[in-house]
PDB file of N, CA and C in Angstrom:
ATOM      1  N   UNK A   1       0.846  -1.185   0.000  1.00  0.00           N
ATOM      2  CA  UNK A   1       0.000   0.000   0.000  1.00  0.00           C
ATOM      3  C   UNK A   1       0.890   1.246   0.000  1.00  0.00           C
ATOM      4  N   UNK A   2       0.542   2.204  -0.841  1.00  0.00           N
ATOM      5  CA  UNK A   2       1.332   3.424  -0.931  1.00  0.00           C
ATOM      6  C   UNK A   2       0.423   4.640  -1.020  1.00  0.00           C
ATOM      7  N   UNK A   3       0.990   5.798  -0.797  1.00  0.00           N
ATOM      8  CA  UNK A   3       0.245   7.044  -0.879  1.00  0.00           C
ATOM      9  C   UNK A   3       0.071   7.405  -2.353  1.00  0.00           C
ATOM     10  N   UNK A   4      -1.149   7.350  -2.827  1.00  0.00           N
ATOM     11  CA  UNK A   4      -1.412   7.598  -4.245  1.00  0.00           C
ATOM     12  C   UNK A   4      -1.008   9.002  -4.661  1.00  0.00           C
ATOM     13  N   UNK A   5      -1.043   9.951  -3.740  1.00  0.00           N
ATOM     14  CA  UNK A   5      -0.692  11.337  -4.075  1.00  0.00           C
ATOM     15  C   UNK A   5       0.764  11.482  -4.503  1.00  0.00           C
ATOM     16  N   UNK A   6       1.592  10.533  -4.139  1.00  0.00           N
ATOM     17  CA  UNK A   6       3.005  10.582  -4.504  1.00  0.00           C
ATOM     18  C   UNK A   6       3.268  10.007  -5.898  1.00  0.00           C
ATOM     19  N   UNK A   7       2.282   9.361  -6.482  1.00  0.00           N
ATOM     20  CA  UNK A   7       2.445   8.775  -7.814  1.00  0.00           C
ATOM     21  C   UNK A   7       2.285   9.854  -8.888  1.00  0.00           C
ATOM     22  N   UNK A   8       3.288   9.980  -9.746  1.00  0.00           N
ATOM     23  CA  UNK A   8       3.234  10.987 -10.799  1.00  0.00           C
ATOM     24  C   UNK A   8       2.028  10.781 -11.717  1.00  0.00           C
ATOM     25  N   UNK A   9       1.677   9.543 -11.984  1.00  0.00           N
ATOM     26  CA  UNK A   9       0.528   9.280 -12.849  1.00  0.00           C
ATOM     27  C   UNK A   9      -0.768   9.771 -12.192  1.00  0.00           C
ATOM     28  N   UNK A  10      -0.865   9.677 -10.879  1.00  0.00           N
ATOM     29  CA  UNK A  10      -2.050  10.206 -10.191  1.00  0.00           C
ATOM     30  C   UNK A  10      -2.053  11.730 -10.299  1.00  0.00           C
ATOM     31  N   UNK A  11      -0.906  12.361 -10.079  1.00  0.00           N
ATOM     32  CA  UNK A  11      -0.815  13.814 -10.146  1.00  0.00           C
ATOM     33  C   UNK A  11      -1.206  14.321 -11.534  1.00  0.00           C
ATOM     34  N   UNK A  12      -0.704  13.653 -12.563  1.00  0.00           N
ATOM     35  CA  UNK A  12      -1.021  14.055 -13.943  1.00  0.00           C
ATOM     36  C   UNK A  12      -2.497  13.832 -14.256  1.00  0.00           C
ATOM     37  N   UNK A  13      -3.050  12.732 -13.775  1.00  0.00           N
ATOM     38  CA  UNK A  13      -4.468  12.455 -14.047  1.00  0.00           C
ATOM     39  C   UNK A  13      -5.363  13.416 -13.279  1.00  0.00           C
ATOM     40  N   UNK A  14      -4.948  13.835 -12.089  1.00  0.00           N
ATOM     41  CA  UNK A  14      -5.706  14.824 -11.326  1.00  0.00           C
ATOM     42  C   UNK A  14      -5.713  16.167 -12.067  1.00  0.00           C
ATOM     43  N   UNK A  15      -4.557  16.552 -12.593  1.00  0.00           N
ATOM     44  CA  UNK A  15      -4.476  17.781 -13.393  1.00  0.00           C
ATOM     45  C   UNK A  15      -5.403  17.696 -14.603  1.00  0.00           C
ATOM     46  N   UNK A  16      -5.468  16.520 -15.214  1.00  0.00           N
ATOM     47  CA  UNK A  16      -6.347  16.318 -16.364  1.00  0.00           C
ATOM     48  C   UNK A  16      -7.809  16.490 -15.970  1.00  0.00           C
ATOM     49  N   UNK A  17      -8.200  15.964 -14.828  1.00  0.00           N
ATOM     50  CA  UNK A  17      -9.582  16.136 -14.353  1.00  0.00           C
ATOM     51  C   UNK A  17      -9.908  17.622 -14.217  1.00  0.00           C
ATOM     52  N   UNK A  18      -9.015  18.364 -13.597  1.00  0.00           N
ATOM     53  CA  UNK A  18      -9.247  19.801 -13.424  1.00  0.00           C
ATOM     54  C   UNK A  18      -9.396  20.490 -14.772  1.00  0.00           C
ATOM     55  N   UNK A  19      -8.578  20.075 -15.722  1.00  0.00           N
ATOM     56  CA  UNK A  19      -8.648  20.655 -17.076  1.00  0.00           C
ATOM     57  C   UNK A  19      -9.966  20.298 -17.750  1.00  0.00           C
ATOM     58  N   UNK A  20     -10.393  19.056 -17.616  1.00  0.00           N
ATOM     59  CA  UNK A  20     -11.661  18.619 -18.219  1.00  0.00           C
ATOM     60  C   UNK A  20     -12.827  19.413 -17.647  1.00  0.00           C
ATOM     61  N   UNK A  21     -12.829  19.608 -16.333  1.00  0.00           N
ATOM     62  CA  UNK A  21     -13.899  20.400 -15.724  1.00  0.00           C
ATOM     63  C   UNK A  21     -13.918  21.813 -16.293  1.00  0.00           C
ATOM     64  N   UNK A  22     -12.752  22.403 -16.458  1.00  0.00           N
ATOM     65  CA  UNK A  22     -12.685  23.742 -17.024  1.00  0.00           C
ATOM     66  C   UNK A  22     -13.170  23.802 -18.461  1.00  0.00           C
ATOM     67  N   UNK A  23     -12.723  22.860 -19.271  1.00  0.00           N
ATOM     68  CA  UNK A  23     -13.105  22.833 -20.684  1.00  0.00           C
ATOM     69  C   UNK A  23     -14.603  22.589 -20.844  1.00  0.00           C
ATOM     70  N   UNK A  24     -15.151  21.671 -20.082  1.00  0.00           N
ATOM     71  CA  UNK A  24     -16.565  21.317 -20.254  1.00  0.00           C
ATOM     72  C   UNK A  24     -17.519  22.393 -19.738  1.00  0.00           C
ATOM     73  N   UNK A  25     -17.013  23.333 -18.940  1.00  0.00           N
ATOM     74  CA  UNK A  25     -17.870  24.446 -18.496  1.00  0.00           C
ATOM     75  C   UNK A  25     -18.332  25.292 -19.679  1.00  0.00           C
ATOM     76  N   UNK A  26     -17.546  25.284 -20.741  1.00  0.00           N
ATOM     77  CA  UNK A  26     -17.879  26.087 -21.919  1.00  0.00           C
ATOM     78  C   UNK A  26     -18.781  25.346 -22.903  1.00  0.00           C
ATOM     79  N   UNK A  27     -19.093  24.090 -22.627  1.00  0.00           N
ATOM     80  CA  UNK A  27     -19.969  23.325 -23.518  1.00  0.00           C
ATOM     81  C   UNK A  27     -21.387  23.903 -23.466  1.00  0.00           C
ATOM     82  N   UNK A  28     -22.175  23.658 -24.493  1.00  0.00           N
ATOM     83  CA  UNK A  28     -23.559  24.143 -24.491  1.00  0.00           C
ATOM     84  C   UNK A  28     -24.341  23.578 -23.302  1.00  0.00           C
ATOM     85  N   UNK A  29     -25.306  24.337 -22.837  1.00  0.00           N
ATOM     86  CA  UNK A  29     -26.132  23.915 -21.698  1.00  0.00           C
ATOM     87  C   UNK A  29     -26.831  22.595 -21.980  1.00  0.00           C
ATOM     88  N   UNK A  30     -27.108  22.324 -23.239  1.00  0.00           N
ATOM     89  CA  UNK A  30     -27.789  21.074 -23.598  1.00  0.00           C
ATOM     90  C   UNK A  30     -26.918  19.850 -23.328  1.00  0.00           C
ATOM     91  N   UNK A  31     -25.634  20.046 -23.120  1.00  0.00           N
ATOM     92  CA  UNK A  31     -24.714  18.933 -22.876  1.00  0.00           C
ATOM     93  C   UNK A  31     -24.422  18.701 -21.384  1.00  0.00           C
ATOM     94  N   UNK A  32     -25.071  19.445 -20.508  1.00  0.00           N
ATOM     95  CA  UNK A  32     -24.805  19.315 -19.074  1.00  0.00           C
ATOM     96  C   UNK A  32     -24.965  17.868 -18.612  1.00  0.00           C
ATOM     97  N   UNK A  33     -25.986  17.196 -19.104  1.00  0.00           N
ATOM     98  CA  UNK A  33     -26.214  15.803 -18.712  1.00  0.00           C
ATOM     99  C   UNK A  33     -25.798  14.824 -19.804  1.00  0.00           C
ATOM    100  N   UNK A  34     -25.126  15.329 -20.807  1.00  0.00           N
ATOM    101  CA  UNK A  34     -24.682  14.503 -21.919  1.00  0.00           C
ATOM    102  C   UNK A  34     -23.177  14.351 -21.938  1.00  0.00           C
ATOM    103  N   UNK A  35     -22.575  14.834 -22.993  1.00  0.00           N
ATOM    104  CA  UNK A  35     -21.145  14.655 -23.210  1.00  0.00           C
ATOM    105  C   UNK A  35     -20.307  15.280 -22.098  1.00  0.00           C
ATOM    106  N   UNK A  36     -20.702  16.436 -21.620  1.00  0.00           N
ATOM    107  CA  UNK A  36     -19.964  17.091 -20.533  1.00  0.00           C
ATOM    108  C   UNK A  36     -19.886  16.185 -19.311  1.00  0.00           C
ATOM    109  N   UNK A  37     -21.014  15.639 -18.923  1.00  0.00           N
ATOM    110  CA  UNK A  37     -21.068  14.739 -17.764  1.00  0.00           C
ATOM    111  C   UNK A  37     -20.253  13.472 -18.010  1.00  0.00           C
ATOM    112  N   UNK A  38     -20.349  12.909 -19.195  1.00  0.00           N
ATOM    113  CA  UNK A  38     -19.595  11.693 -19.515  1.00  0.00           C
ATOM    114  C   UNK A  38     -18.094  11.935 -19.456  1.00  0.00           C
ATOM    115  N   UNK A  39     -17.654  13.064 -19.980  1.00  0.00           N
ATOM    116  CA  UNK A  39     -16.218  13.384 -19.963  1.00  0.00           C
ATOM    117  C   UNK A  39     -15.721  13.583 -18.535  1.00  0.00           C
ATOM    118  N   UNK A  40     -16.531  14.231 -17.742  1.00  0.00           N
ATOM    119  CA  UNK A  40     -16.143  14.440 -16.347  1.00  0.00           C
ATOM    120  C   UNK A  40     -16.059  13.114 -15.599  1.00  0.00           C
ATOM    121  N   UNK A  41     -17.046  12.264 -15.807  1.00  0.00           N
ATOM    122  CA  UNK A  41     -17.055  10.967 -15.111  1.00  0.00           C
ATOM    123  C   UNK A  41     -15.876  10.093 -15.545  1.00  0.00           C
ATOM    124  N   UNK A  42     -15.600  10.058 -16.834  1.00  0.00           N
ATOM    125  CA  UNK A  42     -14.472   9.249 -17.332  1.00  0.00           C
ATOM    126  C   UNK A  42     -13.153   9.777 -16.779  1.00  0.00           C
ATOM    127  N   UNK A  43     -12.996  11.104 -16.763  1.00  0.00           N
ATOM    128  CA  UNK A  43     -11.742  11.671 -16.271  1.00  0.00           C
ATOM    129  C   UNK A  43     -11.570  11.423 -14.773  1.00  0.00           C
ATOM    130  N   UNK A  44     -12.621  11.570 -13.999  1.00  0.00           N
ATOM    131  CA  UNK A  44     -12.550  11.345 -12.550  1.00  0.00           C
ATOM    132  C   UNK A  44     -12.262   9.879 -12.239  1.00  0.00           C
ATOM    133  N   UNK A  45     -12.713   8.997 -13.084  1.00  0.00           N
ATOM    134  CA  UNK A  45     -12.502   7.568 -12.883  1.00  0.00           C
ATOM    135  C   UNK A  45     -11.019   7.203 -12.866  1.00  0.00           C
ATOM    136  N   UNK A  46     -10.213   7.920 -13.621  1.00  0.00           N
ATOM    137  CA  UNK A  46      -8.791   7.573 -13.735  1.00  0.00           C
ATOM    138  C   UNK A  46      -8.056   7.749 -12.399  1.00  0.00           C
ATOM    139  N   UNK A  47      -8.001   8.959 -11.831  1.00  0.00           N
ATOM    140  CA  UNK A  47      -7.297   9.086 -10.549  1.00  0.00           C
ATOM    141  C   UNK A  47      -8.002   8.350  -9.414  1.00  0.00           C
ATOM    142  N   UNK A  48      -9.309   8.177  -9.527  1.00  0.00           N
ATOM    143  CA  UNK A  48     -10.044   7.425  -8.500  1.00  0.00           C
ATOM    144  C   UNK A  48      -9.606   5.970  -8.474  1.00  0.00           C
ATOM    145  N   UNK A  49      -9.431   5.379  -9.643  1.00  0.00           N
ATOM    146  CA  UNK A  49      -8.982   3.987  -9.709  1.00  0.00           C
ATOM    147  C   UNK A  49      -7.520   3.845  -9.294  1.00  0.00           C
ATOM    148  N   UNK A  50      -6.716   4.843  -9.572  1.00  0.00           N
ATOM    149  CA  UNK A  50      -5.330   4.816  -9.100  1.00  0.00           C
ATOM    150  C   UNK A  50      -5.322   4.843  -7.573  1.00  0.00           C
ATOM    151  N   UNK A  51      -6.128   5.730  -7.008  1.00  0.00           N
ATOM    152  CA  UNK A  51      -6.193   5.837  -5.545  1.00  0.00           C
ATOM    153  C   UNK A  51      -6.698   4.541  -4.922  1.00  0.00           C
ATOM    154  N   UNK A  52      -7.777   4.005  -5.461  1.00  0.00           N
ATOM    155  CA  UNK A  52      -8.324   2.772  -4.897  1.00  0.00           C
ATOM    156  C   UNK A  52      -7.349   1.607  -5.061  1.00  0.00           C
ATOM    157  N   UNK A  53      -6.770   1.482  -6.238  1.00  0.00           N
ATOM    158  CA  UNK A  53      -5.837   0.390  -6.491  1.00  0.00           C
ATOM    159  C   UNK A  53      -4.608   0.444  -5.608  1.00  0.00           C
ATOM    160  N   UNK A  54      -4.127   1.666  -5.338  1.00  0.00           N
ATOM    161  CA  UNK A  54      -2.939   1.796  -4.498  1.00  0.00           C
ATOM    162  C   UNK A  54      -3.205   1.369  -3.065  1.00  0.00           C
ATOM    163  N   UNK A  55      -4.468   1.379  -2.689  1.00  0.00           N
ATOM    164  CA  UNK A  55      -4.832   0.970  -1.340  1.00  0.00           C
ATOM    165  C   UNK A  55      -5.113  -0.512  -1.206  1.00  0.00           C
ATOM    166  N   UNK A  56      -5.016  -1.232  -2.274  1.00  0.00           N
ATOM    167  CA  UNK A  56      -5.254  -2.676  -2.246  1.00  0.00           C
ATOM    168  C   UNK A  56      -4.031  -3.411  -1.730  1.00  0.00           C
ATOM    169  N   UNK A  57      -4.220  -4.650  -1.410  1.00  0.00           N
ATOM    170  CA  UNK A  57      -3.179  -5.411  -0.745  1.00  0.00           C
ATOM    171  C   UNK A  57      -2.103  -6.001  -1.626  1.00  0.00           C
ATOM    172  N   UNK A  58      -2.293  -5.996  -2.929  1.00  0.00           N
ATOM    173  CA  UNK A  58      -1.299  -6.656  -3.777  1.00  0.00           C
ATOM    174  C   UNK A  58      -1.110  -5.907  -5.091  1.00  0.00           C
ATOM    175  N   UNK A  59       0.029  -6.165  -5.708  1.00  0.00           N
ATOM    176  CA  UNK A  59       0.299  -5.585  -7.025  1.00  0.00           C
ATOM    177  C   UNK A  59      -0.686  -6.111  -8.067  1.00  0.00           C
ATOM    178  N   UNK A  60      -1.108  -7.358  -7.906  1.00  0.00           N
ATOM    179  CA  UNK A  60      -2.059  -7.937  -8.851  1.00  0.00           C
ATOM    180  C   UNK A  60      -3.385  -7.171  -8.824  1.00  0.00           C
ATOM    181  N   UNK A  61      -3.865  -6.859  -7.633  1.00  0.00           N
ATOM    182  CA  UNK A  61      -5.101  -6.084  -7.519  1.00  0.00           C
ATOM    183  C   UNK A  61      -4.910  -4.668  -8.054  1.00  0.00           C
ATOM    184  N   UNK A  62      -3.780  -4.070  -7.710  1.00  0.00           N
ATOM    185  CA  UNK A  62      -3.481  -2.723  -8.192  1.00  0.00           C
ATOM    186  C   UNK A  62      -3.477  -2.713  -9.721  1.00  0.00           C
ATOM    187  N   UNK A  63      -2.886  -3.725 -10.341  1.00  0.00           N
ATOM    188  CA  UNK A  63      -2.839  -3.825 -11.805  1.00  0.00           C
ATOM    189  C   UNK A  63      -4.242  -3.893 -12.403  1.00  0.00           C
ATOM    190  N   UNK A  64      -5.160  -4.565 -11.715  1.00  0.00           N
ATOM    191  CA  UNK A  64      -6.549  -4.642 -12.202  1.00  0.00           C
ATOM    192  C   UNK A  64      -7.197  -3.259 -12.220  1.00  0.00           C
ATOM    193  N   UNK A  65      -6.912  -2.460 -11.196  1.00  0.00           N
ATOM    194  CA  UNK A  65      -7.454  -1.101 -11.167  1.00  0.00           C
ATOM    195  C   UNK A  65      -6.813  -0.223 -12.230  1.00  0.00           C
ATOM    196  N   UNK A  66      -5.549  -0.492 -12.557  1.00  0.00           N
ATOM    197  CA  UNK A  66      -4.902   0.250 -13.637  1.00  0.00           C
ATOM    198  C   UNK A  66      -5.573  -0.080 -14.970  1.00  0.00           C
ATOM    199  N   UNK A  67      -6.003  -1.328 -15.137  1.00  0.00           N
ATOM    200  CA  UNK A  67      -6.698  -1.713 -16.366  1.00  0.00           C
ATOM    201  C   UNK A  67      -8.022  -0.956 -16.492  1.00  0.00           C
ATOM    202  N   UNK A  68      -8.719  -0.797 -15.396  1.00  0.00           N
ATOM    203  CA  UNK A  68      -9.976  -0.024 -15.407  1.00  0.00           C
ATOM    204  C   UNK A  68      -9.676   1.433 -15.760  1.00  0.00           C
ATOM    205  N   UNK A  69      -8.607   1.985 -15.173  1.00  0.00           N
ATOM    206  CA  UNK A  69      -8.221   3.369 -15.460  1.00  0.00           C
ATOM    207  C   UNK A  69      -7.856   3.542 -16.936  1.00  0.00           C
ATOM    208  N   UNK A  70      -7.200   2.536 -17.510  1.00  0.00           N
ATOM    209  CA  UNK A  70      -6.859   2.585 -18.937  1.00  0.00           C
ATOM    210  C   UNK A  70      -8.137   2.606 -19.777  1.00  0.00           C
ATOM    211  N   UNK A  71      -9.122   1.837 -19.380  1.00  0.00           N
ATOM    212  CA  UNK A  71     -10.407   1.874 -20.075  1.00  0.00           C
ATOM    213  C   UNK A  71     -11.047   3.249 -20.008  1.00  0.00           C
ATOM    214  N   UNK A  72     -10.991   3.864 -18.850  1.00  0.00           N
ATOM    215  CA  UNK A  72     -11.584   5.197 -18.676  1.00  0.00           C
ATOM    216  C   UNK A  72     -10.842   6.259 -19.475  1.00  0.00           C
ATOM    217  N   UNK A  73      -9.519   6.189 -19.507  1.00  0.00           N
ATOM    218  CA  UNK A  73      -8.756   7.190 -20.257  1.00  0.00           C
ATOM    219  C   UNK A  73      -8.984   7.003 -21.764  1.00  0.00           C
ATOM    220  N   UNK A  74      -9.199   5.762 -22.199  1.00  0.00           N
ATOM    221  CA  UNK A  74      -9.514   5.503 -23.608  1.00  0.00           C
ATOM    222  C   UNK A  74     -10.889   6.070 -23.956  1.00  0.00           C
ATOM    223  N   UNK A  75     -11.824   5.938 -23.044  1.00  0.00           N
ATOM    224  CA  UNK A  75     -13.159   6.515 -23.230  1.00  0.00           C
ATOM    225  C   UNK A  75     -13.050   8.038 -23.354  1.00  0.00           C
ATOM    226  N   UNK A  76     -12.281   8.647 -22.485  1.00  0.00           N
ATOM    227  CA  UNK A  76     -12.087  10.095 -22.525  1.00  0.00           C
ATOM    228  C   UNK A  76     -11.410  10.528 -23.814  1.00  0.00           C
ATOM    229  N   UNK A  77     -10.491   9.723 -24.293  1.00  0.00           N
ATOM    230  CA  UNK A  77      -9.783  10.017 -25.543  1.00  0.00           C
ATOM    231  C   UNK A  77     -10.791  10.189 -26.688  1.00  0.00           C
ATOM    232  N   UNK A  78     -11.749   9.275 -26.770  1.00  0.00           N
ATOM    233  CA  UNK A  78     -12.771   9.387 -27.813  1.00  0.00           C
ATOM    234  C   UNK A  78     -13.708  10.572 -27.560  1.00  0.00           C
ATOM    235  N   UNK A  79     -14.115  10.750 -26.323  1.00  0.00           N
ATOM    236  CA  UNK A  79     -15.058  11.824 -26.008  1.00  0.00           C
ATOM    237  C   UNK A  79     -14.477  13.195 -26.335  1.00  0.00           C
ATOM    238  N   UNK A  80     -13.189  13.373 -26.123  1.00  0.00           N
ATOM    239  CA  UNK A  80     -12.542  14.639 -26.481  1.00  0.00           C
ATOM    240  C   UNK A  80     -12.568  14.844 -27.996  1.00  0.00           C
ATOM    241  N   UNK A  81     -12.310  13.772 -28.739  1.00  0.00           N
ATOM    242  CA  UNK A  81     -12.382  13.849 -30.201  1.00  0.00           C
ATOM    243  C   UNK A  81     -13.793  14.231 -30.651  1.00  0.00           C
ATOM    244  N   UNK A  82     -14.785  13.604 -30.048  1.00  0.00           N
ATOM    245  CA  UNK A  82     -16.179  13.917 -30.384  1.00  0.00           C
ATOM    246  C   UNK A  82     -16.500  15.374 -30.067  1.00  0.00           C
ATOM    247  N   UNK A  83     -16.075  15.836 -28.908  1.00  0.00           N
ATOM    248  CA  UNK A  83     -16.338  17.227 -28.520  1.00  0.00           C
ATOM    249  C   UNK A  83     -15.710  18.196 -29.522  1.00  0.00           C
ATOM    250  N   UNK A  84     -14.508  17.886 -29.972  1.00  0.00           N
ATOM    251  CA  UNK A  84     -13.856  18.723 -30.983  1.00  0.00           C
ATOM    252  C   UNK A  84     -14.644  18.697 -32.281  1.00  0.00           C
ATOM    253  N   UNK A  85     -15.036  17.493 -32.719  1.00  0.00           N
ATOM    254  CA  UNK A  85     -15.765  17.359 -33.987  1.00  0.00           C
ATOM    255  C   UNK A  85     -17.146  18.015 -33.930  1.00  0.00           C
ATOM    256  N   UNK A  86     -17.721  18.103 -32.751  1.00  0.00           N
ATOM    257  CA  UNK A  86     -19.016  18.783 -32.586  1.00  0.00           C
ATOM    258  C   UNK A  86     -18.849  20.297 -32.449  1.00  0.00           C
ATOM    259  N   UNK A  87     -17.614  20.753 -32.378  1.00  0.00           N
ATOM    260  CA  UNK A  87     -17.342  22.184 -32.275  1.00  0.00           C
ATOM    261  C   UNK A  87     -17.424  22.723 -30.855  1.00  0.00           C
ATOM    262  N   UNK A  88     -17.370  21.854 -29.874  1.00  0.00           N
ATOM    263  CA  UNK A  88     -17.455  22.275 -28.472  1.00  0.00           C
ATOM    264  C   UNK A  88     -16.118  22.741 -27.922  1.00  0.00           C
ATOM    265  N   UNK A  89     -15.030  22.414 -28.611  1.00  0.00           N
ATOM    266  CA  UNK A  89     -13.712  22.893 -28.203  1.00  0.00           C
ATOM    267  C   UNK A  89     -12.886  23.170 -29.449  1.00  0.00           C
ATOM    268  N   UNK A  90     -11.945  24.047 -29.295  1.00  0.00           N
ATOM    269  CA  UNK A  90     -11.082  24.413 -30.420  1.00  0.00           C
ATOM    270  C   UNK A  90     -10.084  23.288 -30.705  1.00  0.00           C
ATOM    271  N   UNK A  91      -9.500  23.343 -31.866  1.00  0.00           N
ATOM    272  CA  UNK A  91      -8.482  22.363 -32.234  1.00  0.00           C
ATOM    273  C   UNK A  91      -7.276  22.496 -31.296  1.00  0.00           C
ATOM    274  N   UNK A  92      -6.946  23.716 -30.925  1.00  0.00           N
ATOM    275  CA  UNK A  92      -5.823  23.940 -30.010  1.00  0.00           C
ATOM    276  C   UNK A  92      -6.101  23.275 -28.654  1.00  0.00           C
ATOM    277  N   UNK A  93      -7.281  23.504 -28.125  1.00  0.00           N
ATOM    278  CA  UNK A  93      -7.654  22.889 -26.852  1.00  0.00           C
ATOM    279  C   UNK A  93      -7.659  21.372 -26.978  1.00  0.00           C
ATOM    280  N   UNK A  94      -8.214  20.879 -28.066  1.00  0.00           N
ATOM    281  CA  UNK A  94      -8.231  19.431 -28.293  1.00  0.00           C
ATOM    282  C   UNK A  94      -6.814  18.866 -28.335  1.00  0.00           C
ATOM    283  N   UNK A  95      -5.921  19.516 -29.067  1.00  0.00           N
ATOM    284  CA  UNK A  95      -4.549  19.029 -29.176  1.00  0.00           C
ATOM    285  C   UNK A  95      -3.856  18.996 -27.817  1.00  0.00           C
ATOM    286  N   UNK A  96      -4.091  20.021 -27.004  1.00  0.00           N
ATOM    287  CA  UNK A  96      -3.507  20.058 -25.661  1.00  0.00           C
ATOM    288  C   UNK A  96      -4.071  18.924 -24.796  1.00  0.00           C
ATOM    289  N   UNK A  97      -5.393  18.766 -24.825  1.00  0.00           N
ATOM    290  CA  UNK A  97      -6.031  17.690 -24.056  1.00  0.00           C
ATOM    291  C   UNK A  97      -5.564  16.325 -24.539  1.00  0.00           C
ATOM    292  N   UNK A  98      -5.479  16.177 -25.837  1.00  0.00           N
ATOM    293  CA  UNK A  98      -5.056  14.910 -26.415  1.00  0.00           C
ATOM    294  C   UNK A  98      -3.648  14.550 -25.951  1.00  0.00           C
ATOM    295  N   UNK A  99      -2.793  15.543 -25.865  1.00  0.00           N
ATOM    296  CA  UNK A  99      -1.447  15.313 -25.363  1.00  0.00           C
ATOM    297  C   UNK A  99      -1.444  14.864 -23.911  1.00  0.00           C
ATOM    298  N   UNK A 100      -2.268  15.509 -23.095  1.00  0.00           N
ATOM    299  CA  UNK A 100      -2.374  15.121 -21.692  1.00  0.00           C
ATOM    300  C   UNK A 100      -2.928  13.705 -21.559  1.00  0.00           C
ATOM    301  N   UNK A 101      -3.957  13.410 -22.323  1.00  0.00           N
ATOM    302  CA  UNK A 101      -4.569  12.083 -22.279  1.00  0.00           C
ATOM    303  C   UNK A 101      -3.551  11.023 -22.688  1.00  0.00           C
ATOM    304  N   UNK A 102      -2.824  11.275 -23.759  1.00  0.00           N
ATOM    305  CA  UNK A 102      -1.820  10.311 -24.226  1.00  0.00           C
ATOM    306  C   UNK A 102      -0.734  10.078 -23.190  1.00  0.00           C
ATOM    307  N   UNK A 103      -0.304  11.151 -22.543  1.00  0.00           N
ATOM    308  CA  UNK A 103       0.729  11.025 -21.513  1.00  0.00           C
ATOM    309  C   UNK A 103       0.239  10.162 -20.346  1.00  0.00           C
ATOM    310  N   UNK A 104      -0.957  10.437 -19.864  1.00  0.00           N
ATOM    311  CA  UNK A 104      -1.513   9.663 -18.754  1.00  0.00           C
ATOM    312  C   UNK A 104      -1.714   8.211 -19.166  1.00  0.00           C
ATOM    313  N   UNK A 105      -2.193   7.998 -20.374  1.00  0.00           N
ATOM    314  CA  UNK A 105      -2.421   6.636 -20.856  1.00  0.00           C
ATOM    315  C   UNK A 105      -1.116   5.843 -20.901  1.00  0.00           C
ATOM    316  N   UNK A 106      -0.059   6.448 -21.432  1.00  0.00           N
ATOM    317  CA  UNK A 106       1.252   5.783 -21.470  1.00  0.00           C
ATOM    318  C   UNK A 106       1.738   5.441 -20.062  1.00  0.00           C
ATOM    319  N   UNK A 107       1.547   6.369 -19.140  1.00  0.00           N
ATOM    320  CA  UNK A 107       1.981   6.146 -17.766  1.00  0.00           C
ATOM    321  C   UNK A 107       1.188   5.016 -17.112  1.00  0.00           C
ATOM    322  N   UNK A 108      -0.105   4.974 -17.364  1.00  0.00           N
ATOM    323  CA  UNK A 108      -0.951   3.906 -16.811  1.00  0.00           C
ATOM    324  C   UNK A 108      -0.526   2.542 -17.348  1.00  0.00           C
ATOM    325  N   UNK A 109      -0.281   2.483 -18.642  1.00  0.00           N
ATOM    326  CA  UNK A 109       0.141   1.224 -19.259  1.00  0.00           C
ATOM    327  C   UNK A 109       1.480   0.777 -18.674  1.00  0.00           C
ATOM    328  N   UNK A 110       2.392   1.722 -18.511  1.00  0.00           N
ATOM    329  CA  UNK A 110       3.689   1.393 -17.926  1.00  0.00           C
ATOM    330  C   UNK A 110       3.567   0.896 -16.497  1.00  0.00           C
ATOM    331  N   UNK A 111       2.741   1.553 -15.703  1.00  0.00           N
ATOM    332  CA  UNK A 111       2.551   1.128 -14.317  1.00  0.00           C
ATOM    333  C   UNK A 111       1.892  -0.244 -14.260  1.00  0.00           C
ATOM    334  N   UNK A 112       0.907  -0.458 -15.117  1.00  0.00           N
ATOM    335  CA  UNK A 112       0.244  -1.769 -15.136  1.00  0.00           C
ATOM    336  C   UNK A 112       1.242  -2.880 -15.472  1.00  0.00           C
ATOM    337  N   UNK A 113       2.103  -2.643 -16.457  1.00  0.00           N
ATOM    338  CA  UNK A 113       3.117  -3.645 -16.827  1.00  0.00           C
ATOM    339  C   UNK A 113       4.052  -3.930 -15.661  1.00  0.00           C
ATOM    340  N   UNK A 114       4.480  -2.882 -14.988  1.00  0.00           N
ATOM    341  CA  UNK A 114       5.376  -3.041 -13.845  1.00  0.00           C
ATOM    342  C   UNK A 114       4.695  -3.841 -12.732  1.00  0.00           C
ATOM    343  N   UNK A 115       3.446  -3.517 -12.453  1.00  0.00           N
ATOM    344  CA  UNK A 115       2.721  -4.217 -11.393  1.00  0.00           C
ATOM    345  C   UNK A 115       2.500  -5.686 -11.746  1.00  0.00           C
ATOM    346  N   UNK A 116       2.183  -5.940 -13.012  1.00  0.00           N
ATOM    347  CA  UNK A 116       2.002  -7.336 -13.435  1.00  0.00           C
ATOM    348  C   UNK A 116       3.287  -8.124 -13.316  1.00  0.00           C
ATOM    349  N   UNK A 117       4.413  -7.498 -13.673  1.00  0.00           N
ATOM    350  CA  UNK A 117       5.705  -8.187 -13.573  1.00  0.00           C
ATOM    351  C   UNK A 117       6.052  -8.488 -12.120  1.00  0.00           C
ATOM    352  N   UNK A 118       5.681  -7.595 -11.219  1.00  0.00           N
ATOM    353  CA  UNK A 118       5.960  -7.770  -9.791  1.00  0.00           C
ATOM    354  C   UNK A 118       5.054  -8.819  -9.137  1.00  0.00           C
ATOM    355  N   UNK A 119       3.915  -9.091  -9.763  1.00  0.00           N
ATOM    356  CA  UNK A 119       2.943  -9.999  -9.119  1.00  0.00           C
ATOM    357  C   UNK A 119       3.203 -11.461  -9.440  1.00  0.00           C
ATOM    358  N   UNK A 120       4.223 -11.742 -10.244  1.00  0.00           N
ATOM    359  CA  UNK A 120       4.539 -13.139 -10.572  1.00  0.00           C
ATOM    360  C   UNK A 120       5.715 -13.641  -9.775  1.00  0.00           C
TER     361      UNK A 120
END
């Protein structure tokens, strides 16, 4: 068990959540319960699963939570693309978000691989 706040991947994913909340505030009011809500939920799921997984008793369990977080970040990756294509965010904002999402995704995959290797 470790302090999730010390994990760089948690810190980066938390920053991403804050960014998603800021970006989605500018979405049309009609999206409050639609895409905006979905993007927020997917983004929050990532650091939440890191936190929960870090509190589990084994690397194997932690790796399972990383897999869930990878699923959530992949969902967010598509939702950001959709938001851009719908005109809810600029290409510049999309490119910045896409970079953050890719960075977090790479880090999650790396951590999951490390945890799986440690659990054998």
